PDB file of N, CA and C in Angstrom:
ATOM      1  N   MET A   1     -33.104  -4.857  22.273  1.00  0.00           N
ATOM      2  CA  MET A   1     -31.569  -5.092  21.762  1.00  0.00           C
ATOM      3  C   MET A   1     -31.281  -5.719  20.684  1.00  0.00           C
ATOM      4  N   GLY A   2     -30.437  -5.103  19.713  1.00  0.00           N
ATOM      5  CA  GLY A   2     -30.237  -5.765  18.587  1.00  0.00           C
ATOM      6  C   GLY A   2     -28.890  -5.888  18.066  1.00  0.00           C
ATOM      7  N   LEU A   3     -28.871  -5.901  16.763  1.00  0.00           N
ATOM      8  CA  LEU A   3     -27.256  -6.209  16.655  1.00  0.00           C
ATOM      9  C   LEU A   3     -26.675  -4.452  16.205  1.00  0.00           C
ATOM     10  N   SER A   4     -25.372  -4.596  16.278  1.00  0.00           N
ATOM     11  CA  SER A   4     -24.707  -3.216  16.032  1.00  0.00           C
ATOM     12  C   SER A   4     -24.600  -3.182  14.595  1.00  0.00           C
ATOM     13  N   PRO A   5     -24.099  -2.082  14.210  1.00  0.00           N
ATOM     14  CA  PRO A   5     -24.315  -1.890  12.940  1.00  0.00           C
ATOM     15  C   PRO A   5     -22.847  -2.742  12.574  1.00  0.00           C
ATOM     16  N   LYS A   6     -22.802  -3.311  11.358  1.00  0.00           N
ATOM     17  CA  LYS A   6     -21.421  -4.226  10.760  1.00  0.00           C
ATOM     18  C   LYS A   6     -20.442  -3.052  10.801  1.00  0.00           C
ATOM     19  N   LYS A   7     -19.272  -3.251  11.029  1.00  0.00           N
ATOM     20  CA  LYS A   7     -17.847  -2.333  11.415  1.00  0.00           C
ATOM     21  C   LYS A   7     -17.354  -2.175   9.809  1.00  0.00           C
ATOM     22  N   ASP A   8     -16.619  -1.297   9.696  1.00  0.00           N
ATOM     23  CA  ASP A   8     -15.732  -1.526   8.116  1.00  0.00           C
ATOM     24  C   ASP A   8     -14.990  -2.224   8.275  1.00  0.00           C
ATOM     25  N   LEU A   9     -14.669  -3.330   7.530  1.00  0.00           N
ATOM     26  CA  LEU A   9     -13.758  -4.412   7.506  1.00  0.00           C
ATOM     27  C   LEU A   9     -12.434  -3.867   6.659  1.00  0.00           C
ATOM     28  N   LYS A  10     -11.324  -4.423   7.355  1.00  0.00           N
ATOM     29  CA  LYS A  10     -10.028  -4.315   6.450  1.00  0.00           C
ATOM     30  C   LYS A  10      -9.558  -5.348   5.656  1.00  0.00           C
ATOM     31  N   SER A  11      -8.926  -5.149   4.643  1.00  0.00           N
ATOM     32  CA  SER A  11      -8.302  -6.260   3.894  1.00  0.00           C
ATOM     33  C   SER A  11      -7.023  -6.848   4.619  1.00  0.00           C
ATOM     34  N   ARG A  12      -6.948  -7.706   4.552  1.00  0.00           N
ATOM     35  CA  ARG A  12      -6.222  -8.904   5.006  1.00  0.00           C
ATOM     36  C   ARG A  12      -4.671  -8.728   3.996  1.00  0.00           C
ATOM     37  N   ASN A  13      -3.800  -8.347   4.418  1.00  0.00           N
ATOM     38  CA  ASN A  13      -2.176  -7.986   3.405  1.00  0.00           C
ATOM     39  C   ASN A  13      -0.904  -8.406   4.316  1.00  0.00           C
ATOM     40  N   GLN A  14      -1.313 -10.048   4.494  1.00  0.00           N
ATOM     41  CA  GLN A  14      -0.029 -10.869   5.405  1.00  0.00           C
ATOM     42  C   GLN A  14       1.186 -10.883   4.432  1.00  0.00           C
ATOM     43  N   THR A  15       2.152 -11.083   4.975  1.00  0.00           N
ATOM     44  CA  THR A  15       3.382 -11.330   4.498  1.00  0.00           C
ATOM     45  C   THR A  15       3.852 -12.653   4.560  1.00  0.00           C
ATOM     46  N   TRP A  16       5.173 -12.686   4.328  1.00  0.00           N
ATOM     47  CA  TRP A  16       6.056 -14.073   4.518  1.00  0.00           C
ATOM     48  C   TRP A  16       5.877 -14.509   5.617  1.00  0.00           C
ATOM     49  N   ILE A  17       6.294 -13.570   6.918  1.00  0.00           N
ATOM     50  CA  ILE A  17       6.267 -13.918   8.231  1.00  0.00           C
ATOM     51  C   ILE A  17       5.047 -14.523   8.697  1.00  0.00           C
ATOM     52  N   ASP A  18       3.980 -14.007   8.227  1.00  0.00           N
ATOM     53  CA  ASP A  18       2.586 -14.507   8.785  1.00  0.00           C
ATOM     54  C   ASP A  18       2.445 -15.924   8.198  1.00  0.00           C
ATOM     55  N   ILE A  19       2.916 -16.245   6.797  1.00  0.00           N
ATOM     56  CA  ILE A  19       2.947 -17.248   6.270  1.00  0.00           C
ATOM     57  C   ILE A  19       3.556 -18.645   7.491  1.00  0.00           C
ATOM     58  N   ASP A  20       4.916 -17.875   7.838  1.00  0.00           N
ATOM     59  CA  ASP A  20       5.863 -18.845   8.039  1.00  0.00           C
ATOM     60  C   ASP A  20       5.644 -19.213   9.618  1.00  0.00           C
ATOM     61  N   ASP A  21       5.101 -18.240  10.496  1.00  0.00           N
ATOM     62  CA  ASP A  21       4.133 -18.217  11.973  1.00  0.00           C
ATOM     63  C   ASP A  21       3.264 -19.534  11.554  1.00  0.00           C
ATOM     64  N   ARG A  22       2.268 -19.400  10.691  1.00  0.00           N
ATOM     65  CA  ARG A  22       1.315 -20.175  10.744  1.00  0.00           C
ATOM     66  C   ARG A  22       1.807 -21.545  10.696  1.00  0.00           C
ATOM     67  N   LEU A  23       3.074 -21.854   9.619  1.00  0.00           N
ATOM     68  CA  LEU A  23       3.161 -23.603   9.249  1.00  0.00           C
ATOM     69  C   LEU A  23       4.068 -23.632  10.413  1.00  0.00           C
ATOM     70  N   GLN A  24       4.768 -22.550  11.061  1.00  0.00           N
ATOM     71  CA  GLN A  24       5.550 -23.432  11.875  1.00  0.00           C
ATOM     72  C   GLN A  24       4.854 -23.690  13.617  1.00  0.00           C
ATOM     73  N   SER A  25       3.489 -23.086  13.395  1.00  0.00           N
ATOM     74  CA  SER A  25       2.858 -23.505  14.473  1.00  0.00           C
ATOM     75  C   SER A  25       1.823 -24.501  14.576  1.00  0.00           C
ATOM     76  N   VAL A  26       1.522 -24.503  13.035  1.00  0.00           N
ATOM     77  CA  VAL A  26       0.497 -25.968  12.984  1.00  0.00           C
ATOM     78  C   VAL A  26       1.196 -27.095  12.477  1.00  0.00           C
ATOM     79  N   ILE A  27       2.269 -27.105  11.626  1.00  0.00           N
ATOM     80  CA  ILE A  27       2.547 -28.400  11.276  1.00  0.00           C
ATOM     81  C   ILE A  27       3.747 -28.751  12.317  1.00  0.00           C
ATOM     82  N   ASN A  28       3.543 -29.715  13.082  1.00  0.00           N
ATOM     83  CA  ASN A  28       4.434 -30.290  14.256  1.00  0.00           C
ATOM     84  C   ASN A  28       4.784 -31.673  14.023  1.00  0.00           C
ATOM     85  N   PHE A  29       3.855 -32.465  13.269  1.00  0.00           N
ATOM     86  CA  PHE A  29       3.896 -33.799  13.004  1.00  0.00           C
ATOM     87  C   PHE A  29       3.743 -34.483  11.848  1.00  0.00           C
ATOM     88  N   VAL A  30       4.232 -35.651  11.630  1.00  0.00           N
ATOM     89  CA  VAL A  30       3.787 -36.315  10.285  1.00  0.00           C
ATOM     90  C   VAL A  30       2.574 -36.370  10.109  1.00  0.00           C
ATOM     91  N   GLY A  31       1.823 -35.580   8.745  1.00  0.00           N
ATOM     92  CA  GLY A  31       0.604 -35.921   8.603  1.00  0.00           C
ATOM     93  C   GLY A  31      -0.337 -34.641   8.682  1.00  0.00           C
ATOM     94  N   ASP A  32       0.352 -33.775   9.543  1.00  0.00           N
ATOM     95  CA  ASP A  32      -0.226 -32.268  10.063  1.00  0.00           C
ATOM     96  C   ASP A  32      -0.343 -31.512   8.469  1.00  0.00           C
ATOM     97  N   SER A  33      -1.102 -30.590   8.335  1.00  0.00           N
ATOM     98  CA  SER A  33      -0.936 -29.724   7.243  1.00  0.00           C
ATOM     99  C   SER A  33      -1.732 -28.366   7.526  1.00  0.00           C
ATOM    100  N   ALA A  34      -1.542 -27.505   6.824  1.00  0.00           N
ATOM    101  CA  ALA A  34      -1.695 -25.915   7.206  1.00  0.00           C
ATOM    102  C   ALA A  34      -2.433 -25.452   5.777  1.00  0.00           C
ATOM    103  N   THR A  35      -3.457 -24.645   5.803  1.00  0.00           N
ATOM    104  CA  THR A  35      -3.893 -24.095   4.682  1.00  0.00           C
ATOM    105  C   THR A  35      -3.907 -22.560   4.849  1.00  0.00           C
ATOM    106  N   ILE A  36      -3.601 -21.883   3.413  1.00  0.00           N
ATOM    107  CA  ILE A  36      -3.791 -20.304   3.650  1.00  0.00           C
ATOM    108  C   ILE A  36      -4.639 -20.005   2.440  1.00  0.00           C
ATOM    109  N   LYS A  37      -5.527 -18.728   2.748  1.00  0.00           N
ATOM    110  CA  LYS A  37      -6.177 -18.115   1.591  1.00  0.00           C
ATOM    111  C   LYS A  37      -5.064 -17.372   0.707  1.00  0.00           C
ATOM    112  N   LEU A  38      -5.270 -17.601  -0.249  1.00  0.00           N
ATOM    113  CA  LEU A  38      -4.208 -16.789  -1.547  1.00  0.00           C
ATOM    114  C   LEU A  38      -4.528 -15.028  -1.091  1.00  0.00           C
ATOM    115  N   SER A  39      -5.866 -14.922  -1.341  1.00  0.00           N
ATOM    116  CA  SER A  39      -6.231 -13.466  -1.105  1.00  0.00           C
ATOM    117  C   SER A  39      -5.917 -12.742  -0.009  1.00  0.00           C
ATOM    118  N   GLU A  40      -5.445 -13.677   1.166  1.00  0.00           N
ATOM    119  CA  GLU A  40      -4.970 -12.555   2.308  1.00  0.00           C
ATOM    120  C   GLU A  40      -3.486 -12.555   1.956  1.00  0.00           C
ATOM    121  N   TYR A  41      -2.998 -12.691   0.982  1.00  0.00           N
ATOM    122  CA  TYR A  41      -1.550 -12.434   0.724  1.00  0.00           C
ATOM    123  C   TYR A  41      -1.321 -11.786  -0.944  1.00  0.00           C
ATOM    124  N   PRO A  42      -2.142 -10.593  -1.137  1.00  0.00           N
ATOM    125  CA  PRO A  42      -2.314  -9.864  -2.323  1.00  0.00           C
ATOM    126  C   PRO A  42      -0.747  -9.470  -2.570  1.00  0.00           C
ATOM    127  N   THR A  43       0.081  -9.452  -1.992  1.00  0.00           N
ATOM    128  CA  THR A  43       1.552  -9.004  -2.671  1.00  0.00           C
ATOM    129  C   THR A  43       2.581 -10.211  -2.768  1.00  0.00           C
ATOM    130  N   LEU A  44       1.863 -10.931  -2.600  1.00  0.00           N
ATOM    131  CA  LEU A  44       2.608 -12.686  -2.888  1.00  0.00           C
ATOM    132  C   LEU A  44       1.975 -13.195  -4.013  1.00  0.00           C
ATOM    133  N   SER A  45       2.712 -13.555  -4.622  1.00  0.00           N
ATOM    134  CA  SER A  45       2.026 -14.361  -5.964  1.00  0.00           C
ATOM    135  C   SER A  45       2.172 -15.737  -5.794  1.00  0.00           C
ATOM    136  N   LYS A  46       0.880 -16.876  -6.396  1.00  0.00           N
ATOM    137  CA  LYS A  46       0.857 -18.185  -5.971  1.00  0.00           C
ATOM    138  C   LYS A  46       2.337 -18.817  -6.337  1.00  0.00           C
ATOM    139  N   ALA A  47       2.537 -18.506  -7.481  1.00  0.00           N
ATOM    140  CA  ALA A  47       3.670 -19.330  -7.767  1.00  0.00           C
ATOM    141  C   ALA A  47       5.007 -19.129  -7.085  1.00  0.00           C
ATOM    142  N   GLU A  48       5.099 -17.624  -6.302  1.00  0.00           N
ATOM    143  CA  GLU A  48       6.542 -17.592  -5.573  1.00  0.00           C
ATOM    144  C   GLU A  48       6.075 -17.976  -4.264  1.00  0.00           C
ATOM    145  N   ILE A  49       4.913 -18.347  -3.575  1.00  0.00           N
ATOM    146  CA  ILE A  49       4.646 -18.864  -2.412  1.00  0.00           C
ATOM    147  C   ILE A  49       4.982 -20.373  -2.374  1.00  0.00           C
ATOM    148  N   ILE A  50       4.630 -21.103  -3.667  1.00  0.00           N
ATOM    149  CA  ILE A  50       4.815 -22.518  -3.858  1.00  0.00           C
ATOM    150  C   ILE A  50       5.970 -22.799  -4.127  1.00  0.00           C
ATOM    151  N   SER A  51       6.844 -21.767  -4.869  1.00  0.00           N
ATOM    152  CA  SER A  51       8.163 -22.082  -4.866  1.00  0.00           C
ATOM    153  C   SER A  51       9.401 -21.830  -3.365  1.00  0.00           C
ATOM    154  N   GLU A  52       8.918 -20.810  -2.655  1.00  0.00           N
ATOM    155  CA  GLU A  52       9.425 -20.730  -1.619  1.00  0.00           C
ATOM    156  C   GLU A  52       9.321 -22.120  -0.867  1.00  0.00           C
ATOM    157  N   ALA A  53       7.988 -22.601  -0.518  1.00  0.00           N
ATOM    158  CA  ALA A  53       7.706 -23.891   0.152  1.00  0.00           C
ATOM    159  C   ALA A  53       8.327 -24.950  -0.299  1.00  0.00           C
ATOM    160  N   GLU A  54       8.424 -25.098  -1.401  1.00  0.00           N
ATOM    161  CA  GLU A  54       8.766 -26.431  -1.966  1.00  0.00           C
ATOM    162  C   GLU A  54      10.307 -26.199  -1.762  1.00  0.00           C
ATOM    163  N   LYS A  55      10.920 -25.256  -1.918  1.00  0.00           N
ATOM    164  CA  LYS A  55      12.298 -24.826  -1.648  1.00  0.00           C
ATOM    165  C   LYS A  55      12.790 -25.275  -0.052  1.00  0.00           C
ATOM    166  N   ASN A  56      11.915 -25.179   0.660  1.00  0.00           N
ATOM    167  CA  ASN A  56      12.087 -25.287   2.327  1.00  0.00           C
ATOM    168  C   ASN A  56      11.247 -26.885   2.825  1.00  0.00           C
ATOM    169  N   ASN A  57      11.359 -27.501   1.850  1.00  0.00           N
ATOM    170  CA  ASN A  57      10.877 -28.910   2.076  1.00  0.00           C
ATOM    171  C   ASN A  57       9.281 -29.041   2.282  1.00  0.00           C
ATOM    172  N   TYR A  58       8.636 -27.972   1.805  1.00  0.00           N
ATOM    173  CA  TYR A  58       6.757 -28.420   2.153  1.00  0.00           C
ATOM    174  C   TYR A  58       6.408 -29.028   1.054  1.00  0.00           C
ATOM    175  N   THR A  59       5.494 -29.825   1.152  1.00  0.00           N
ATOM    176  CA  THR A  59       4.685 -30.149  -0.164  1.00  0.00           C
ATOM    177  C   THR A  59       3.454 -29.100  -0.366  1.00  0.00           C
ATOM    178  N   VAL A  60       3.168 -28.699  -1.501  1.00  0.00           N
ATOM    179  CA  VAL A  60       1.933 -27.583  -1.541  1.00  0.00           C
ATOM    180  C   VAL A  60       1.219 -28.589  -2.311  1.00  0.00           C
ATOM    181  N   LEU A  61      -0.311 -28.597  -2.013  1.00  0.00           N
ATOM    182  CA  LEU A  61      -1.267 -28.774  -3.061  1.00  0.00           C
ATOM    183  C   LEU A  61      -2.197 -27.794  -3.326  1.00  0.00           C
ATOM    184  N   ASP A  62      -2.164 -27.527  -4.464  1.00  0.00           N
ATOM    185  CA  ASP A  62      -2.932 -26.316  -5.181  1.00  0.00           C
ATOM    186  C   ASP A  62      -4.471 -26.880  -5.888  1.00  0.00           C
ATOM    187  N   LYS A  63      -5.392 -26.802  -5.382  1.00  0.00           N
ATOM    188  CA  LYS A  63      -6.861 -27.395  -5.890  1.00  0.00           C
ATOM    189  C   LYS A  63      -7.176 -26.407  -6.728  1.00  0.00           C
ATOM    190  N   ASN A  64      -6.682 -25.276  -7.070  1.00  0.00           N
ATOM    191  CA  ASN A  64      -7.032 -23.869  -7.766  1.00  0.00           C
ATOM    192  C   ASN A  64      -8.615 -23.546  -7.240  1.00  0.00           C
ATOM    193  N   ASP A  65      -8.532 -23.558  -6.136  1.00  0.00           N
ATOM    194  CA  ASP A  65      -9.695 -22.894  -5.323  1.00  0.00           C
ATOM    195  C   ASP A  65      -9.719 -21.586  -4.554  1.00  0.00           C
ATOM    196  N   GLY A  66      -8.373 -21.110  -4.620  1.00  0.00           N
ATOM    197  CA  GLY A  66      -7.712 -19.888  -3.964  1.00  0.00           C
ATOM    198  C   GLY A  66      -7.240 -20.451  -2.670  1.00  0.00           C
ATOM    199  N   TYR A  67      -7.005 -21.556  -2.404  1.00  0.00           N
ATOM    200  CA  TYR A  67      -6.374 -22.122  -1.285  1.00  0.00           C
ATOM    201  C   TYR A  67      -5.021 -22.871  -1.612  1.00  0.00           C
ATOM    202  N   LEU A  68      -4.170 -22.946  -0.941  1.00  0.00           N
ATOM    203  CA  LEU A  68      -2.860 -23.623  -0.854  1.00  0.00           C
ATOM    204  C   LEU A  68      -3.091 -24.470   0.575  1.00  0.00           C
ATOM    205  N   VAL A  69      -2.475 -25.633   0.318  1.00  0.00           N
ATOM    206  CA  VAL A  69      -2.326 -26.523   1.746  1.00  0.00           C
ATOM    207  C   VAL A  69      -1.024 -27.257   1.606  1.00  0.00           C
ATOM    208  N   PHE A  70      -0.322 -26.855   2.752  1.00  0.00           N
ATOM    209  CA  PHE A  70       1.115 -27.226   2.843  1.00  0.00           C
ATOM    210  C   PHE A  70       1.158 -28.416   3.924  1.00  0.00           C
ATOM    211  N   SER A  71       1.950 -29.263   3.312  1.00  0.00           N
ATOM    212  CA  SER A  71       2.502 -30.208   4.428  1.00  0.00           C
ATOM    213  C   SER A  71       3.854 -30.655   4.802  1.00  0.00           C
TER     214      SER A  71
END
């Protein structure tokens, strides 16, 4: 027995709902944080994600590595 052939992978194209669900499910206490991979949100710009998050009282850390950390 061996491995099955790798299946065709789909690109992720997540939305505001996905970001909101992630933040709401992960950030529950002081000191909690959540990280998103920007490439999973190709229809949303980094600037607009950061702006919307800050408008809703999140702190956003952008290390310019393709990820955003919310707290």
